[in-house]
Structures are given as structure tokens and as C-alpha cells.
Amino acid sequence: MRILLLSFLIVTSGAHAQSKVFLKDIGVMALASNDLISWDSESEKNTENARLDLSTIFDYDGGDRISKGGNPQNSENAAVWSITKRLINFYKERLSTLDDSTKARIETVNEFHTMVKSTFKRLTGLNFPKTAINEMVSHDEQASMRALHDILPGRVSTIRGKLFPVKSFDLTNFVFAKFYLNDEELNSQINYYNGDYDHEYTQIKTPLSRKVVNLKEVDAKFTEKYSSYTQAEMLDELRRVGNNEIQISDAFFIHHVKELFQKGMCSTDNNWIVTDISCY
């Protein structure tokens, strides 16, 4: 018995517990990414302000698309649209109560931060930063966020009862881009990191066009052109995470994700981020 117990301890001593990640985390992280980064490939610049102030919703196109989710990227798939729509509904409810658009937006941003903090912990294994950084997004940070596309689920299951005709769908299918997921669906667990993209992301069909986008190739080109890393080495690290060799919090590039969110929480010269996190 002692020998068996000793063998068990040796086998399991190097194992790492994996966090549970939910479909809602994909929506929250995608919206956060859109709020921090909007990459213009022609000018090779980030056109977002690197702050988690929901400018991607409220300030896009002069604020004329708030009810539509602001930046069209916020309605590119059901997960991010479902989180975006919930925040829009929250804003409208607060606006009707407060009758003050400034206060309503600040409270909506605070609600978003609550979502982000729990999602950040599950996706990175790190505690949410307690200090902020007053800088713009770096290429290494953007590349690190792109590496986390590893965890994107290709398919989503619906939980609507036996009579509901759609049982599952591709998250990349533009027909279902604005499919409003219910709370039970958003709280469904998804697969953890494994070092590769689900095949749905290598063949994304664009609406009203024959163009097919391979997200893995797009991310690889950005990473290898602008960052200090290659996609292959970053995905290999995530493969080690999936194999329980290391924790996601120990991945060599994860500190860039933390620094990105530190920048996102900086309230300096920002009217919408109200926080006790100090920015340096």
C-alpha cells in the first residue's frame, strides 16, 4: 500500500489543476480585447485607446452605433455579442433610472470591470492587477492576446429544450453572429488550452463574399512580423499548459497579458474609469 501511494504521489506531483473556463469568458475577453486594441493593418497602428472604458461601444463612429454594439467587431460572434448586448441593456436601464448619461456609462464600465476581473483570473491563472500603467499597447501584448485564441471554441451548444430546432452551431458562422445566448449557455464550460486553433477558425467565411479567412495564419503573420515571438513557440507553450506540464500563469508570455490589462485599467485623463487602482 505504501509503495502504491508513493507511486501515486510521484506521478501526480508534477500535475497542475486546470481552471474551468466558460463560454461567457470568451465573450468578455473578446470585448475587452476590442476595447483595448483595434488594429489597422494598413496604417499598422492601434486605433483604440488601450483603456477598458467601453469606447469600443460608446465612442465608435461618434457614438451613433451604441444600440448596435459600437464597433462591428462586437457583433462578430454570439459570445461577444451576448456580452455586448447585456452591457447595452445595463446602460439603458441605468440611464432610465439616473437620467444622466455620464453616470450611466461609468456604472456600465464598472459592471464590465466586474466581468473582466473574474474572466481574467480564469483565463490567465493570475490575480487581477492592483496597479495600472499609463502607456499604450505594445506589439508583444497584442501578440499574446492573439495566442489566447487557442482557447476559442469552434462550436456552441444551445440549451433551449427539445423543441428548439438549433442544437449547436459554429461560433464563426456569420448567420449566428447575433444569436443571443442565454445565461445557461454562457455559463457552459468550454475546452481548455491545447496548443492549436479549432478548425472552424482556419476557414471563416465572410458574409456576402467568397473570401475565407484563416485566423491562425492571420495571427501568425502579425506575431512574427511585429512581436518578439513566433506563434509556434507560443502555441507550444499552451500545449504544455493543456498537457498539465505547466500552469497558464507560468507561460513565458502571460506577463504581457497582465501588463495589457494594467494599461486598460489606467484612469489618468479618462472620464469613464473610476477605480482605486493607482496608475503610474
Protein backbone atom coordinates (compact mmCIF):
# COMPACT_ATOMS: atom_id res chain seq x y z
CA MET A 1 0.00 0.00 0.00
CA ARG A 2 2.81 2.41 0.87
CA ILE A 3 4.54 1.64 -2.44
CA LEU A 4 1.34 2.29 -4.39
CA LEU A 5 0.75 5.54 -2.52
CA LEU A 6 4.33 6.65 -3.13
CA SER A 7 3.99 5.86 -6.84
CA PHE A 8 0.76 7.86 -7.00
CA LEU A 9 2.41 10.86 -5.37
CA ILE A 10 5.33 10.72 -7.79
CA VAL A 11 3.03 10.54 -10.81
CA THR A 12 0.78 13.37 -9.67
CA SER A 13 3.40 15.67 -8.14
CA GLY A 14 4.03 17.42 -11.46
CA ALA A 15 0.36 17.77 -12.40
CA HIS A 16 -1.36 21.15 -12.42
CA ALA A 17 -5.04 21.76 -11.90
CA GLN A 18 -6.71 23.42 -14.87
CA SER A 19 -9.16 26.24 -14.33
CA LYS A 20 -12.71 25.91 -15.54
CA VAL A 21 -13.36 28.33 -18.39
CA PHE A 22 -16.83 29.24 -19.59
CA LEU A 23 -18.31 30.48 -22.83
CA LYS A 24 -19.01 33.84 -21.19
CA ASP A 25 -15.26 34.25 -20.66
CA ILE A 26 -14.76 34.18 -24.44
CA GLY A 27 -17.31 36.95 -24.87
CA VAL A 28 -15.87 39.08 -22.08
CA MET A 29 -12.26 38.67 -23.21
CA ALA A 30 -13.16 39.36 -26.85
CA LEU A 31 -14.97 42.55 -25.89
CA ALA A 32 -12.08 43.58 -23.65
CA SER A 33 -9.64 42.93 -26.49
CA ASN A 34 -11.75 45.06 -28.86
CA ASP A 35 -11.83 47.81 -26.23
CA LEU A 36 -8.05 47.77 -25.90
CA ILE A 37 -6.98 47.06 -29.46
CA SER A 38 -8.36 47.84 -32.91
CA TRP A 39 -5.56 47.03 -35.31
CA ASP A 40 -5.45 48.95 -38.59
CA SER A 41 -3.30 46.77 -40.84
CA GLU A 42 -2.87 49.49 -43.46
CA SER A 43 -1.51 52.15 -41.11
CA GLU A 44 -0.02 49.46 -38.84
CA LYS A 45 -1.43 51.23 -35.80
CA ASN A 46 -3.77 50.52 -32.92
CA THR A 47 -6.72 52.89 -33.32
CA GLU A 48 -8.20 52.14 -29.89
CA ASN A 49 -7.18 53.98 -26.72
CA ALA A 50 -5.88 50.95 -24.75
CA ARG A 51 -8.33 51.59 -21.91
CA LEU A 52 -11.14 49.42 -20.58
CA ASP A 53 -13.67 52.24 -20.82
CA LEU A 54 -16.04 50.63 -23.37
CA SER A 55 -15.05 53.15 -26.01
CA THR A 56 -15.48 50.28 -28.46
CA ILE A 57 -19.23 50.58 -27.77
CA PHE A 58 -19.83 54.18 -26.77
CA ASP A 59 -17.37 56.13 -28.89
CA TYR A 60 -17.21 54.16 -32.13
CA ASP A 61 -18.44 56.17 -35.13
CA GLY A 62 -19.06 59.18 -32.92
CA GLY A 63 -21.35 57.25 -30.60
CA ASP A 64 -24.01 56.69 -33.27
CA ARG A 65 -23.88 52.88 -33.03
CA ILE A 66 -24.32 52.31 -29.30
CA SER A 67 -27.55 50.32 -29.68
CA LYS A 68 -25.85 48.21 -32.39
CA GLY A 69 -22.84 47.44 -30.20
CA GLY A 70 -20.50 50.13 -31.48
CA ASN A 71 -17.60 48.57 -33.37
CA PRO A 72 -18.98 45.85 -35.70
CA GLN A 73 -16.35 43.52 -34.23
CA ASN A 74 -18.52 43.41 -31.11
CA SER A 75 -21.16 41.50 -33.05
CA GLU A 76 -18.89 39.13 -34.97
CA ASN A 77 -19.86 36.08 -32.91
CA ALA A 78 -22.59 35.06 -30.50
CA ALA A 79 -20.41 35.07 -27.38
CA VAL A 80 -19.08 38.62 -27.69
CA TRP A 81 -22.46 39.90 -28.95
CA SER A 82 -24.26 38.38 -25.96
CA ILE A 83 -21.93 40.14 -23.51
CA THR A 84 -22.06 43.38 -25.51
CA LYS A 85 -25.86 43.33 -25.59
CA ARG A 86 -26.07 42.70 -21.86
CA LEU A 87 -23.91 45.77 -21.21
CA ILE A 88 -26.00 47.87 -23.60
CA ASN A 89 -29.15 46.76 -21.77
CA PHE A 90 -27.48 47.54 -18.44
CA TYR A 91 -26.61 51.03 -19.69
CA LYS A 92 -30.15 51.68 -20.91
CA GLU A 93 -31.59 50.56 -17.57
CA ARG A 94 -29.20 52.77 -15.61
CA LEU A 95 -29.86 55.68 -17.97
CA SER A 96 -33.60 55.41 -17.42
CA THR A 97 -33.05 55.39 -13.65
CA LEU A 98 -30.34 58.04 -13.38
CA ASP A 99 -31.29 60.24 -16.34
CA ASP A 100 -27.57 61.03 -16.60
CA SER A 101 -25.60 59.52 -19.48
CA THR A 102 -22.24 60.17 -17.79
CA LYS A 103 -23.14 58.33 -14.60
CA ALA A 104 -24.87 55.58 -16.57
CA ARG A 105 -21.76 54.94 -18.65
CA ILE A 106 -19.47 54.98 -15.59
CA GLU A 107 -21.68 52.38 -13.89
CA THR A 108 -21.73 50.30 -17.06
CA VAL A 109 -17.92 50.42 -17.25
CA ASN A 110 -17.79 49.33 -13.60
CA GLU A 111 -20.11 46.43 -14.42
CA PHE A 112 -17.80 45.49 -17.29
CA HIS A 113 -14.79 45.59 -14.97
CA THR A 114 -16.52 43.14 -12.63
CA MET A 115 -16.91 40.73 -15.55
CA VAL A 116 -13.33 41.26 -16.72
CA LYS A 117 -11.77 40.59 -13.32
CA SER A 118 -13.28 37.12 -12.94
CA THR A 119 -12.64 36.21 -16.58
CA PHE A 120 -9.02 37.39 -16.33
CA LYS A 121 -8.42 35.07 -13.39
CA ARG A 122 -9.84 32.03 -15.16
CA LEU A 123 -8.04 32.62 -18.46
CA THR A 124 -4.62 33.62 -17.10
CA GLY A 125 -4.45 31.99 -13.67
CA LEU A 126 -3.27 35.36 -12.34
CA ASN A 127 -4.83 37.69 -9.82
CA PHE A 128 -6.17 40.86 -11.37
CA PRO A 129 -3.56 43.66 -11.26
CA LYS A 130 -3.60 46.05 -8.30
CA THR A 131 -1.67 48.79 -10.15
CA ALA A 132 -2.12 50.32 -13.58
CA ILE A 133 0.29 51.51 -16.28
CA ASN A 134 -0.15 54.73 -18.23
CA GLU A 135 1.08 53.51 -21.62
CA MET A 136 -0.25 52.31 -24.97
CA VAL A 137 -0.48 48.69 -26.07
CA SER A 138 2.73 47.02 -27.22
CA HIS A 139 3.06 44.54 -30.10
CA ASP A 140 4.11 41.79 -27.68
CA GLU A 141 0.93 42.36 -25.70
CA GLN A 142 -1.23 42.17 -28.79
CA ALA A 143 0.57 39.01 -29.94
CA SER A 144 -0.02 37.44 -26.52
CA MET A 145 -3.74 38.16 -26.73
CA ARG A 146 -3.78 36.61 -30.18
CA ALA A 147 -2.09 33.48 -28.80
CA LEU A 148 -5.01 33.06 -26.41
CA HIS A 149 -7.22 32.45 -29.47
CA ASP A 150 -6.11 28.86 -28.80
CA ILE A 151 -8.98 28.58 -26.34
CA LEU A 152 -11.74 29.80 -28.68
CA PRO A 153 -14.41 27.10 -29.06
CA GLY A 154 -15.36 26.21 -32.61
CA ARG A 155 -18.90 25.10 -31.81
CA VAL A 156 -21.51 26.19 -29.31
CA SER A 157 -24.36 24.07 -27.96
CA THR A 158 -27.76 25.57 -27.27
CA ILE A 159 -29.75 24.82 -24.12
CA ARG A 160 -33.35 25.61 -25.10
CA GLY A 161 -35.36 22.45 -24.66
CA LYS A 162 -36.11 19.57 -27.01
CA LEU A 163 -38.31 21.56 -29.39
CA PHE A 164 -35.73 24.24 -30.17
CA PRO A 165 -34.54 23.48 -33.73
CA VAL A 166 -30.87 24.54 -33.36
CA LYS A 167 -28.89 22.19 -31.14
CA SER A 168 -25.44 23.62 -31.91
CA PHE A 169 -23.70 25.94 -34.38
CA ASP A 170 -20.27 27.13 -35.47
CA LEU A 171 -19.26 30.19 -33.47
CA THR A 172 -17.63 31.51 -36.66
CA ASN A 173 -20.83 31.25 -38.72
CA PHE A 174 -21.93 34.81 -39.53
CA VAL A 175 -25.56 33.66 -39.71
CA PHE A 176 -25.43 33.15 -35.92
CA ALA A 177 -23.25 36.19 -35.14
CA LYS A 178 -26.06 37.92 -33.23
CA PHE A 179 -27.52 34.78 -31.69
CA TYR A 180 -28.30 35.95 -28.15
CA LEU A 181 -27.06 33.28 -25.79
CA ASN A 182 -28.99 32.76 -22.57
CA ASP A 183 -27.33 32.63 -19.14
CA GLU A 184 -27.18 28.84 -19.06
CA GLU A 185 -25.48 28.73 -22.45
CA LEU A 186 -22.98 31.43 -21.49
CA ASN A 187 -22.15 29.51 -18.31
CA SER A 188 -21.39 26.29 -20.17
CA GLN A 189 -17.83 25.07 -19.76
CA ILE A 190 -15.53 25.02 -22.78
CA ASN A 191 -12.33 23.13 -23.55
CA TYR A 192 -9.07 24.38 -22.08
CA TYR A 193 -5.88 25.39 -23.91
CA ASN A 194 -4.38 22.68 -26.12
CA GLY A 195 -1.87 24.46 -28.35
CA ASP A 196 -3.96 24.71 -31.50
CA TYR A 197 -6.93 26.54 -33.03
CA ASP A 198 -10.22 24.74 -33.57
CA HIS A 199 -10.56 24.06 -37.28
CA GLU A 200 -13.54 26.43 -37.59
CA TYR A 201 -11.12 29.35 -37.21
CA THR A 202 -8.99 28.24 -40.15
CA GLN A 203 -11.91 28.56 -42.57
CA ILE A 204 -14.00 31.57 -41.57
CA LYS A 205 -16.38 32.58 -44.36
CA THR A 206 -17.12 36.29 -44.64
CA PRO A 207 -20.68 37.43 -45.41
CA LEU A 208 -21.55 38.45 -48.99
CA SER A 209 -18.14 37.30 -50.16
CA ARG A 210 -16.30 34.15 -51.20
CA LYS A 211 -13.36 35.18 -49.07
CA VAL A 212 -12.23 32.65 -46.47
CA VAL A 213 -10.12 33.83 -43.52
CA ASN A 214 -7.67 31.62 -41.65
CA LEU A 215 -7.39 33.29 -38.23
CA LYS A 216 -4.44 31.14 -37.28
CA GLU A 217 -2.48 32.38 -40.29
CA VAL A 218 -3.51 35.99 -39.69
CA ASP A 219 -2.33 35.80 -36.08
CA ALA A 220 0.90 34.08 -37.09
CA LYS A 221 1.78 36.81 -39.59
CA PHE A 222 1.17 39.56 -37.04
CA THR A 223 3.10 37.77 -34.30
CA GLU A 224 6.13 37.05 -36.45
CA LYS A 225 6.22 40.48 -38.07
CA TYR A 226 5.70 42.72 -35.06
CA SER A 227 6.45 40.82 -31.85
CA SER A 228 9.45 39.23 -30.14
CA TYR A 229 7.97 35.74 -30.56
CA THR A 230 6.69 33.24 -33.07
CA GLN A 231 3.21 31.78 -32.99
CA ALA A 232 4.68 28.27 -32.96
CA GLU A 233 6.57 28.79 -29.72
CA MET A 234 3.59 30.45 -28.05
CA LEU A 235 1.21 27.65 -29.05
CA ASP A 236 3.76 25.07 -27.96
CA GLU A 237 3.74 26.71 -24.53
CA LEU A 238 -0.06 26.48 -24.45
CA ARG A 239 0.21 22.84 -25.46
CA ARG A 240 2.32 22.31 -22.34
CA VAL A 241 -0.43 24.03 -20.35
CA GLY A 242 -3.03 21.69 -21.85
CA ASN A 243 -0.84 18.69 -21.04
CA ASN A 244 -0.60 19.80 -17.39
CA GLU A 245 3.15 20.32 -17.62
CA ILE A 246 2.86 23.95 -16.52
CA GLN A 247 0.13 26.29 -15.38
CA ILE A 248 -1.13 29.05 -17.65
CA SER A 249 0.15 31.56 -15.08
CA ASP A 250 3.67 30.24 -15.78
CA ALA A 251 3.51 30.60 -19.57
CA PHE A 252 6.51 32.66 -20.70
CA PHE A 253 4.38 35.33 -22.38
CA ILE A 254 1.49 35.64 -19.91
CA HIS A 255 3.05 38.69 -18.20
CA HIS A 256 2.31 40.63 -21.38
CA VAL A 257 -1.39 39.93 -20.94
CA LYS A 258 -1.20 41.17 -17.36
CA GLU A 259 0.57 44.34 -18.46
CA LEU A 260 -2.04 44.90 -21.16
CA PHE A 261 -4.81 44.84 -18.57
CA GLN A 262 -2.79 47.07 -16.29
CA LYS A 263 -2.81 49.62 -19.10
CA GLY A 264 -6.51 49.02 -19.62
CA MET A 265 -7.28 49.99 -16.02
CA CYS A 266 -5.41 53.30 -16.07
CA SER A 267 -7.81 56.11 -15.13
CA THR A 268 -5.42 59.00 -15.87
CA ASP A 269 -7.16 61.50 -18.17
CA ASN A 270 -10.09 59.13 -18.59
CA ASN A 271 -13.60 60.20 -17.60
CA TRP A 272 -15.11 56.73 -17.54
CA ILE A 273 -12.77 54.61 -15.40
CA VAL A 274 -13.50 55.20 -11.72
CA THR A 275 -11.23 52.96 -9.66
CA ASP A 276 -8.94 52.97 -6.65
CA ILE A 277 -6.21 51.29 -8.74
CA SER A 278 -3.23 53.64 -8.92
CA CYS A 279 -1.78 54.37 -12.37
CA TYR A 280 1.91 55.02 -12.92
